[in-house]
PDB file of all heavy atoms in Angstrom:
ATOM      1  N   THR A   1      47.079  86.539  33.423  1.00  0.00           N
ATOM      2  CA  THR A   1      46.052  87.545  33.616  1.00  0.00           C
ATOM      3  C   THR A   1      46.725  88.818  34.163  1.00  0.00           C
ATOM      4  O   THR A   1      47.384  88.836  35.130  1.00  0.00           O
ATOM      5  CB  THR A   1      45.013  87.035  34.596  1.00  0.00           C
ATOM      6  OG1 THR A   1      44.430  85.791  34.107  1.00  0.00           O
ATOM      7  CG2 THR A   1      43.873  88.061  34.809  1.00  0.00           C
ATOM      8  N   ILE A   2      46.453  89.922  33.392  1.00  0.00           N
ATOM      9  CA  ILE A   2      46.839  91.241  33.884  1.00  0.00           C
ATOM     10  C   ILE A   2      45.641  91.916  34.636  1.00  0.00           C
ATOM     11  O   ILE A   2      44.527  91.775  34.221  1.00  0.00           O
ATOM     12  CB  ILE A   2      47.340  92.074  32.704  1.00  0.00           C
ATOM     13  CG1 ILE A   2      47.953  93.398  33.202  1.00  0.00           C
ATOM     14  CG2 ILE A   2      46.204  92.428  31.685  1.00  0.00           C
ATOM     15  CD1 ILE A   2      48.654  94.183  32.177  1.00  0.00           C
ATOM     16  N   SER A   3      45.992  92.575  35.778  1.00  0.00           N
ATOM     17  CA  SER A   3      45.018  93.254  36.476  1.00  0.00           C
ATOM     18  C   SER A   3      45.686  94.479  37.167  1.00  0.00           C
ATOM     19  O   SER A   3      46.888  94.627  37.118  1.00  0.00           O
ATOM     20  CB  SER A   3      44.406  92.362  37.555  1.00  0.00           C
ATOM     21  OG  SER A   3      45.406  91.875  38.477  1.00  0.00           O
ATOM     22  N   ARG A   4      44.847  95.244  37.785  1.00  0.00           N
ATOM     23  CA  ARG A   4      45.442  96.472  38.396  1.00  0.00           C
ATOM     24  C   ARG A   4      44.595  96.849  39.636  1.00  0.00           C
ATOM     25  O   ARG A   4      43.404  96.532  39.742  1.00  0.00           O
ATOM     26  CB  ARG A   4      45.537  97.664  37.459  1.00  0.00           C
ATOM     27  CG  ARG A   4      44.162  98.125  36.929  1.00  0.00           C
ATOM     28  CD  ARG A   4      44.265  99.239  35.905  1.00  0.00           C
ATOM     29  NE  ARG A   4      43.003  99.583  35.466  1.00  0.00           N
ATOM     30  CZ  ARG A   4      42.765 100.515  34.486  1.00  0.00           C
ATOM     31  NH1 ARG A   4      43.806 101.099  33.889  1.00  0.00           N
ATOM     32  NH2 ARG A   4      41.577 100.824  34.188  1.00  0.00           N
ATOM     33  N   ASP A   5      45.248  97.565  40.504  1.00  0.00           N
ATOM     34  CA  ASP A   5      44.549  98.116  41.679  1.00  0.00           C
ATOM     35  C   ASP A   5      44.894  99.610  41.624  1.00  0.00           C
ATOM     36  O   ASP A   5      46.028 100.076  42.036  1.00  0.00           O
ATOM     37  CB  ASP A   5      45.074  97.493  43.028  1.00  0.00           C
ATOM     38  CG  ASP A   5      44.325  97.910  44.234  1.00  0.00           C
ATOM     39  OD1 ASP A   5      43.817  99.104  44.197  1.00  0.00           O
ATOM     40  OD2 ASP A   5      44.235  97.209  45.200  1.00  0.00           O
ATOM     41  N   ILE A   6      43.942 100.368  41.112  1.00  0.00           N
ATOM     42  CA  ILE A   6      44.187 101.825  40.907  1.00  0.00           C
ATOM     43  C   ILE A   6      44.490 102.527  42.259  1.00  0.00           C
ATOM     44  O   ILE A   6      45.288 103.426  42.359  1.00  0.00           O
ATOM     45  CB  ILE A   6      43.098 102.459  40.100  1.00  0.00           C
ATOM     46  CG1 ILE A   6      43.060 101.903  38.711  1.00  0.00           C
ATOM     47  CG2 ILE A   6      43.149 103.987  40.125  1.00  0.00           C
ATOM     48  CD1 ILE A   6      41.974 102.383  37.758  1.00  0.00           C
ATOM     49  N   ALA A   7      43.688 102.166  43.231  1.00  0.00           N
ATOM     50  CA  ALA A   7      43.796 102.847  44.550  1.00  0.00           C
ATOM     51  C   ALA A   7      45.208 102.583  45.154  1.00  0.00           C
ATOM     52  O   ALA A   7      45.745 103.480  45.898  1.00  0.00           O
ATOM     53  CB  ALA A   7      42.730 102.277  45.475  1.00  0.00           C
ATOM     54  N   GLU A   8      45.803 101.429  44.902  1.00  0.00           N
ATOM     55  CA  GLU A   8      47.161 101.092  45.380  1.00  0.00           C
ATOM     56  C   GLU A   8      48.238 101.404  44.348  1.00  0.00           C
ATOM     57  O   GLU A   8      49.390 101.190  44.759  1.00  0.00           O
ATOM     58  CB  GLU A   8      47.146  99.568  45.663  1.00  0.00           C
ATOM     59  CG  GLU A   8      46.272  99.175  46.913  1.00  0.00           C
ATOM     60  CD  GLU A   8      46.759  99.707  48.242  1.00  0.00           C
ATOM     61  OE1 GLU A   8      47.988  99.815  48.446  1.00  0.00           O
ATOM     62  OE2 GLU A   8      45.874 100.169  49.053  1.00  0.00           O
ATOM     63  N   ASN A   9      47.905 101.944  43.223  1.00  0.00           N
ATOM     64  CA  ASN A   9      48.854 102.231  42.156  1.00  0.00           C
ATOM     65  C   ASN A   9      49.702 101.019  41.803  1.00  0.00           C
ATOM     66  O   ASN A   9      50.899 101.069  41.707  1.00  0.00           O
ATOM     67  CB  ASN A   9      49.756 103.412  42.676  1.00  0.00           C
ATOM     68  CG  ASN A   9      49.022 104.672  43.041  1.00  0.00           C
ATOM     69  OD1 ASN A   9      48.077 104.968  42.381  1.00  0.00           O
ATOM     70  ND2 ASN A   9      49.524 105.316  44.061  1.00  0.00           N
ATOM     71  N   LYS A  10      48.968  99.961  41.606  1.00  0.00           N
ATOM     72  CA  LYS A  10      49.752  98.727  41.240  1.00  0.00           C
ATOM     73  C   LYS A  10      49.030  97.968  40.013  1.00  0.00           C
ATOM     74  O   LYS A  10      47.938  98.040  39.823  1.00  0.00           O
ATOM     75  CB  LYS A  10      49.749  97.695  42.490  1.00  0.00           C
ATOM     76  CG  LYS A  10      50.581  98.208  43.614  1.00  0.00           C
ATOM     77  CD  LYS A  10      50.573  97.186  44.720  1.00  0.00           C
ATOM     78  CE  LYS A  10      51.380  97.617  45.855  1.00  0.00           C
ATOM     79  NZ  LYS A  10      51.426  96.655  47.026  1.00  0.00           N
ATOM     80  N   VAL A  11      49.987  97.352  39.260  1.00  0.00           N
ATOM     81  CA  VAL A  11      49.515  96.451  38.220  1.00  0.00           C
ATOM     82  C   VAL A  11      50.141  95.049  38.488  1.00  0.00           C
ATOM     83  O   VAL A  11      51.218  94.987  38.989  1.00  0.00           O
ATOM     84  CB  VAL A  11      50.007  96.983  36.848  1.00  0.00           C
ATOM     85  CG1 VAL A  11      49.768  96.005  35.778  1.00  0.00           C
ATOM     86  CG2 VAL A  11      49.310  98.283  36.447  1.00  0.00           C
ATOM     87  N   PHE A  12      49.307  94.067  38.152  1.00  0.00           N
ATOM     88  CA  PHE A  12      49.790  92.716  38.473  1.00  0.00           C
ATOM     89  C   PHE A  12      49.790  91.867  37.210  1.00  0.00           C
ATOM     90  O   PHE A  12      49.065  92.174  36.227  1.00  0.00           O
ATOM     91  CB  PHE A  12      48.832  92.044  39.514  1.00  0.00           C
ATOM     92  CG  PHE A  12      48.639  92.805  40.747  1.00  0.00           C
ATOM     93  CD1 PHE A  12      47.546  93.702  40.856  1.00  0.00           C
ATOM     94  CD2 PHE A  12      49.564  92.806  41.732  1.00  0.00           C
ATOM     95  CE1 PHE A  12      47.300  94.470  42.052  1.00  0.00           C
ATOM     96  CE2 PHE A  12      49.390  93.577  42.958  1.00  0.00           C
ATOM     97  CZ  PHE A  12      48.255  94.350  43.040  1.00  0.00           C
ATOM     98  N   LEU A  13      50.559  90.818  37.278  1.00  0.00           N
ATOM     99  CA  LEU A  13      50.543  89.740  36.192  1.00  0.00           C
ATOM    100  C   LEU A  13      50.469  88.353  36.933  1.00  0.00           C
ATOM    101  O   LEU A  13      51.488  87.933  37.480  1.00  0.00           O
ATOM    102  CB  LEU A  13      51.750  89.892  35.274  1.00  0.00           C
ATOM    103  CG  LEU A  13      51.643  88.916  34.050  1.00  0.00           C
ATOM    104  CD1 LEU A  13      50.559  89.294  33.134  1.00  0.00           C
ATOM    105  CD2 LEU A  13      52.974  88.906  33.345  1.00  0.00           C
ATOM    106  N   GLN A  14      49.337  87.762  36.895  1.00  0.00           N
ATOM    107  CA  GLN A  14      49.265  86.412  37.352  1.00  0.00           C
ATOM    108  C   GLN A  14      49.595  85.426  36.292  1.00  0.00           C
ATOM    109  O   GLN A  14      48.997  85.454  35.247  1.00  0.00           O
ATOM    110  CB  GLN A  14      47.820  86.150  37.808  1.00  0.00           C
ATOM    111  CG  GLN A  14      47.546  84.747  38.279  1.00  0.00           C
ATOM    112  CD  GLN A  14      48.284  84.412  39.618  1.00  0.00           C
ATOM    113  OE1 GLN A  14      48.335  85.232  40.490  1.00  0.00           O
ATOM    114  NE2 GLN A  14      48.827  83.267  39.691  1.00  0.00           N
ATOM    115  N   MET A  15      50.594  84.626  36.519  1.00  0.00           N
ATOM    116  CA  MET A  15      51.065  83.703  35.555  1.00  0.00           C
ATOM    117  C   MET A  15      50.911  82.243  36.049  1.00  0.00           C
ATOM    118  O   MET A  15      51.452  81.857  37.120  1.00  0.00           O
ATOM    119  CB  MET A  15      52.633  83.932  35.247  1.00  0.00           C
ATOM    120  CG  MET A  15      52.855  85.385  34.838  1.00  0.00           C
ATOM    121  SD  MET A  15      54.530  85.627  34.342  1.00  0.00           S
ATOM    122  CE  MET A  15      55.459  85.276  35.854  1.00  0.00           C
ATOM    123  N   ASN A  16      50.093  81.496  35.309  1.00  0.00           N
ATOM    124  CA  ASN A  16      49.825  80.078  35.662  1.00  0.00           C
ATOM    125  C   ASN A  16      50.400  79.166  34.663  1.00  0.00           C
ATOM    126  O   ASN A  16      50.674  79.665  33.484  1.00  0.00           O
ATOM    127  CB  ASN A  16      48.334  79.899  35.817  1.00  0.00           C
ATOM    128  CG  ASN A  16      47.754  80.718  36.952  1.00  0.00           C
ATOM    129  OD1 ASN A  16      48.383  81.025  37.936  1.00  0.00           O
ATOM    130  ND2 ASN A  16      46.492  81.195  36.786  1.00  0.00           N
ATOM    131  N   SER A  17      50.495  77.952  34.960  1.00  0.00           N
ATOM    132  CA  SER A  17      50.943  76.892  33.945  1.00  0.00           C
ATOM    133  C   SER A  17      52.227  77.303  33.298  1.00  0.00           C
ATOM    134  O   SER A  17      52.330  77.304  32.074  1.00  0.00           O
ATOM    135  CB  SER A  17      49.810  76.697  32.939  1.00  0.00           C
ATOM    136  OG  SER A  17      48.671  76.241  33.482  1.00  0.00           O
ATOM    137  N   LEU A  18      53.176  77.793  34.084  1.00  0.00           N
ATOM    138  CA  LEU A  18      54.407  78.331  33.582  1.00  0.00           C
ATOM    139  C   LEU A  18      55.190  77.219  32.810  1.00  0.00           C
ATOM    140  O   LEU A  18      55.238  76.096  33.169  1.00  0.00           O
ATOM    141  CB  LEU A  18      55.250  78.923  34.637  1.00  0.00           C
ATOM    142  CG  LEU A  18      54.779  80.345  35.080  1.00  0.00           C
ATOM    143  CD1 LEU A  18      55.227  80.707  36.418  1.00  0.00           C
ATOM    144  CD2 LEU A  18      55.067  81.345  34.018  1.00  0.00           C
ATOM    145  N   LYS A  19      55.904  77.730  31.793  1.00  0.00           N
ATOM    146  CA  LYS A  19      56.730  76.793  30.938  1.00  0.00           C
ATOM    147  C   LYS A  19      58.077  77.278  30.939  1.00  0.00           C
ATOM    148  O   LYS A  19      58.345  78.425  31.149  1.00  0.00           O
ATOM    149  CB  LYS A  19      56.186  76.806  29.426  1.00  0.00           C
ATOM    150  CG  LYS A  19      54.733  76.519  29.350  1.00  0.00           C
ATOM    151  CD  LYS A  19      54.237  76.667  27.883  1.00  0.00           C
ATOM    152  CE  LYS A  19      52.751  76.454  27.760  1.00  0.00           C
ATOM    153  NZ  LYS A  19      52.296  76.599  26.287  1.00  0.00           N
ATOM    154  N   PRO A  20      59.095  76.458  30.616  1.00  0.00           N
ATOM    155  CA  PRO A  20      60.501  76.851  30.533  1.00  0.00           C
ATOM    156  C   PRO A  20      60.637  78.098  29.587  1.00  0.00           C
ATOM    157  O   PRO A  20      61.512  78.959  29.867  1.00  0.00           O
ATOM    158  CB  PRO A  20      61.209  75.632  30.029  1.00  0.00           C
ATOM    159  CG  PRO A  20      60.413  74.492  30.589  1.00  0.00           C
ATOM    160  CD  PRO A  20      58.954  74.948  30.411  1.00  0.00           C
ATOM    161  N   GLU A  21      59.891  78.074  28.504  1.00  0.00           N
ATOM    162  CA  GLU A  21      60.049  79.255  27.565  1.00  0.00           C
ATOM    163  C   GLU A  21      59.509  80.561  28.072  1.00  0.00           C
ATOM    164  O   GLU A  21      59.634  81.577  27.439  1.00  0.00           O
ATOM    165  CB  GLU A  21      59.378  78.864  26.276  1.00  0.00           C
ATOM    166  CG  GLU A  21      57.927  78.426  26.369  1.00  0.00           C
ATOM    167  CD  GLU A  21      57.806  76.900  26.342  1.00  0.00           C
ATOM    168  OE1 GLU A  21      58.674  76.172  27.027  1.00  0.00           O
ATOM    169  OE2 GLU A  21      56.959  76.340  25.635  1.00  0.00           O
ATOM    170  N   ASP A  22      58.947  80.501  29.244  1.00  0.00           N
ATOM    171  CA  ASP A  22      58.509  81.767  29.942  1.00  0.00           C
ATOM    172  C   ASP A  22      59.665  82.463  30.649  1.00  0.00           C
ATOM    173  O   ASP A  22      59.539  83.490  31.179  1.00  0.00           O
ATOM    174  CB  ASP A  22      57.322  81.549  30.906  1.00  0.00           C
ATOM    175  CG  ASP A  22      56.000  81.057  30.144  1.00  0.00           C
ATOM    176  OD1 ASP A  22      55.742  81.710  29.137  1.00  0.00           O
ATOM    177  OD2 ASP A  22      55.361  80.164  30.694  1.00  0.00           O
ATOM    178  N   THR A  23      60.812  81.790  30.765  1.00  0.00           N
ATOM    179  CA  THR A  23      61.912  82.262  31.388  1.00  0.00           C
ATOM    180  C   THR A  23      62.391  83.530  30.859  1.00  0.00           C
ATOM    181  O   THR A  23      62.633  83.580  29.558  1.00  0.00           O
ATOM    182  CB  THR A  23      63.103  81.235  31.412  1.00  0.00           C
ATOM    183  OG1 THR A  23      62.693  80.133  32.243  1.00  0.00           O
ATOM    184  CG2 THR A  23      64.356  81.837  31.984  1.00  0.00           C
ATOM    185  N   ALA A  24      62.517  84.646  31.601  1.00  0.00           N
ATOM    186  CA  ALA A  24      62.833  85.920  31.029  1.00  0.00           C
ATOM    187  C   ALA A  24      62.877  86.919  32.193  1.00  0.00           C
ATOM    188  O   ALA A  24      62.515  86.600  33.340  1.00  0.00           O
ATOM    189  CB  ALA A  24      61.727  86.382  30.050  1.00  0.00           C
TER     190      ALA A  24
END
């Protein structure tokens, strides 16, 4: 899930159920 906090000037990426192929 991508999200952002404009007031804090931040963007986030919540990553769940990670797999070995997500390695990067």
